[in-house]
Amino acid sequence: MRMFETNVEAPQREGTSVIEMLTVLHSVHTLNTERLASKCVTLKTKHLVTQILEDGPEEECREFLQHVEGLHISCIVYLNV
């Protein structure tokens, strides 16, 4: 997930303050919450799911999208701990 790659740069620097770390964690939490609310999936993934749906396995696509939603939920739960 790109949001983690982008936000992990700050903690990797030497001398990162606790305030900076909390800001990064809050940012990642907020992004996950927003993506969960909007049922966010990357454009490439949406395109692939649409193509697959045209071929028929609707149940598998629905299950995949539930896993994407579950990923966001897991990240939010993890960050709340």
C-alpha atoms as a PDB file:
ATOM      1  CA  MET A   1       0.000   0.000   0.000  1.00  0.00           C
ATOM      2  CA  ARG A   2       1.458   3.252  -1.142  1.00  0.00           C
ATOM      3  CA  MET A   3       0.265   5.180   1.933  1.00  0.00           C
ATOM      4  CA  PHE A   4       2.510   3.053   4.137  1.00  0.00           C
ATOM      5  CA  GLU A   5       5.512   3.490   1.838  1.00  0.00           C
ATOM      6  CA  THR A   6       5.043   7.249   1.831  1.00  0.00           C
ATOM      7  CA  ASN A   7       4.515   7.555   5.568  1.00  0.00           C
ATOM      8  CA  VAL A   8       7.282   5.172   6.615  1.00  0.00           C
ATOM      9  CA  GLU A   9       9.976   7.572   5.364  1.00  0.00           C
ATOM     10  CA  ALA A  10       9.676   9.863   8.413  1.00  0.00           C
ATOM     11  CA  PRO A  11      10.170   7.119  11.044  1.00  0.00           C
ATOM     12  CA  GLN A  12      13.169   5.749   9.150  1.00  0.00           C
ATOM     13  CA  ARG A  13      15.075   9.024   9.577  1.00  0.00           C
ATOM     14  CA  GLU A  14      17.346   9.299  12.568  1.00  0.00           C
ATOM     15  CA  GLY A  15      16.148  11.640  15.264  1.00  0.00           C
ATOM     16  CA  THR A  16      12.456  11.329  14.495  1.00  0.00           C
ATOM     17  CA  SER A  17      10.550  12.841  17.394  1.00  0.00           C
ATOM     18  CA  VAL A  18       7.618  11.240  19.168  1.00  0.00           C
ATOM     19  CA  ILE A  19       5.407  14.052  17.866  1.00  0.00           C
ATOM     20  CA  GLU A  20       6.450  13.278  14.282  1.00  0.00           C
ATOM     21  CA  MET A  21       5.719   9.589  14.821  1.00  0.00           C
ATOM     22  CA  LEU A  22       2.281  10.330  16.269  1.00  0.00           C
ATOM     23  CA  THR A  23       1.547  12.624  13.330  1.00  0.00           C
ATOM     24  CA  VAL A  24       2.492   9.878  10.842  1.00  0.00           C
ATOM     25  CA  LEU A  25       0.393   7.267  12.659  1.00  0.00           C
ATOM     26  CA  HIS A  26      -2.574   9.637  12.809  1.00  0.00           C
ATOM     27  CA  SER A  27      -2.205  10.351   9.098  1.00  0.00           C
ATOM     28  CA  VAL A  28      -2.168   6.644   8.186  1.00  0.00           C
ATOM     29  CA  HIS A  29      -5.157   6.026  10.466  1.00  0.00           C
ATOM     30  CA  THR A  30      -7.093   8.880   8.842  1.00  0.00           C
ATOM     31  CA  LEU A  31      -6.279   7.669   5.322  1.00  0.00           C
ATOM     32  CA  ASN A  32      -7.438   4.143   6.150  1.00  0.00           C
ATOM     33  CA  THR A  33     -10.643   5.447   7.715  1.00  0.00           C
ATOM     34  CA  GLU A  34     -11.384   7.573   4.641  1.00  0.00           C
ATOM     35  CA  ARG A  35     -10.598   4.733   2.245  1.00  0.00           C
ATOM     36  CA  LEU A  36     -12.782   2.342   4.202  1.00  0.00           C
ATOM     37  CA  ALA A  37     -15.678   4.820   4.178  1.00  0.00           C
ATOM     38  CA  SER A  38     -15.366   5.353   0.421  1.00  0.00           C
ATOM     39  CA  LYS A  39     -14.709   1.654  -0.313  1.00  0.00           C
ATOM     40  CA  CYS A  40     -11.484   2.771  -1.976  1.00  0.00           C
ATOM     41  CA  VAL A  41      -9.794   0.416  -4.419  1.00  0.00           C
ATOM     42  CA  THR A  42      -7.023   1.447  -6.811  1.00  0.00           C
ATOM     43  CA  LEU A  43      -8.041   2.219 -10.391  1.00  0.00           C
ATOM     44  CA  LYS A  44      -6.020  -0.700 -11.748  1.00  0.00           C
ATOM     45  CA  THR A  45      -7.728  -3.056  -9.293  1.00  0.00           C
ATOM     46  CA  LYS A  46     -11.173  -1.679 -10.184  1.00  0.00           C
ATOM     47  CA  HIS A  47     -10.381  -2.227 -13.859  1.00  0.00           C
ATOM     48  CA  LEU A  48      -9.266  -5.824 -13.248  1.00  0.00           C
ATOM     49  CA  VAL A  49     -12.310  -6.577 -11.084  1.00  0.00           C
ATOM     50  CA  THR A  50     -14.591  -5.145 -13.778  1.00  0.00           C
ATOM     51  CA  GLN A  51     -12.927  -7.343 -16.418  1.00  0.00           C
ATOM     52  CA  ILE A  52     -13.246 -10.424 -14.230  1.00  0.00           C
ATOM     53  CA  LEU A  53     -16.893  -9.651 -13.466  1.00  0.00           C
ATOM     54  CA  GLU A  54     -17.603  -9.597 -17.195  1.00  0.00           C
ATOM     55  CA  ASP A  55     -16.289 -13.173 -17.356  1.00  0.00           C
ATOM     56  CA  GLY A  56     -18.649 -14.323 -14.629  1.00  0.00           C
ATOM     57  CA  PRO A  57     -17.083 -15.174 -11.230  1.00  0.00           C
ATOM     58  CA  GLU A  58     -19.042 -12.519  -9.350  1.00  0.00           C
ATOM     59  CA  GLU A  59     -18.788 -14.270  -5.973  1.00  0.00           C
ATOM     60  CA  GLU A  60     -14.974 -14.341  -6.091  1.00  0.00           C
ATOM     61  CA  CYS A  61     -14.841 -10.619  -6.918  1.00  0.00           C
ATOM     62  CA  ARG A  62     -17.215  -9.771  -4.098  1.00  0.00           C
ATOM     63  CA  GLU A  63     -15.065 -11.849  -1.734  1.00  0.00           C
ATOM     64  CA  PHE A  64     -11.898 -10.082  -2.948  1.00  0.00           C
ATOM     65  CA  LEU A  65     -13.446  -6.651  -2.338  1.00  0.00           C
ATOM     66  CA  GLN A  66     -14.420  -7.793   1.163  1.00  0.00           C
ATOM     67  CA  HIS A  67     -10.770  -8.682   1.771  1.00  0.00           C
ATOM     68  CA  VAL A  68      -9.733  -5.203   0.628  1.00  0.00           C
ATOM     69  CA  GLU A  69     -12.207  -3.720   3.104  1.00  0.00           C
ATOM     70  CA  GLY A  70     -10.895  -6.090   5.770  1.00  0.00           C
ATOM     71  CA  LEU A  71      -7.353  -4.864   5.137  1.00  0.00           C
ATOM     72  CA  HIS A  72      -8.390  -1.284   5.902  1.00  0.00           C
ATOM     73  CA  ILE A  73     -10.260  -2.425   9.013  1.00  0.00           C
ATOM     74  CA  SER A  74      -7.247  -4.435  10.217  1.00  0.00           C
ATOM     75  CA  CYS A  75      -4.954  -1.446   9.757  1.00  0.00           C
ATOM     76  CA  ILE A  76      -7.332   0.810  11.680  1.00  0.00           C
ATOM     77  CA  VAL A  77      -7.641  -1.718  14.524  1.00  0.00           C
ATOM     78  CA  TYR A  78      -3.863  -2.148  14.627  1.00  0.00           C
ATOM     79  CA  LEU A  79      -3.296   1.618  14.799  1.00  0.00           C
ATOM     80  CA  ASN A  80      -5.882   1.953  17.567  1.00  0.00           C
ATOM     81  CA  VAL A  81      -3.947  -0.430  19.816  1.00  0.00           C
END
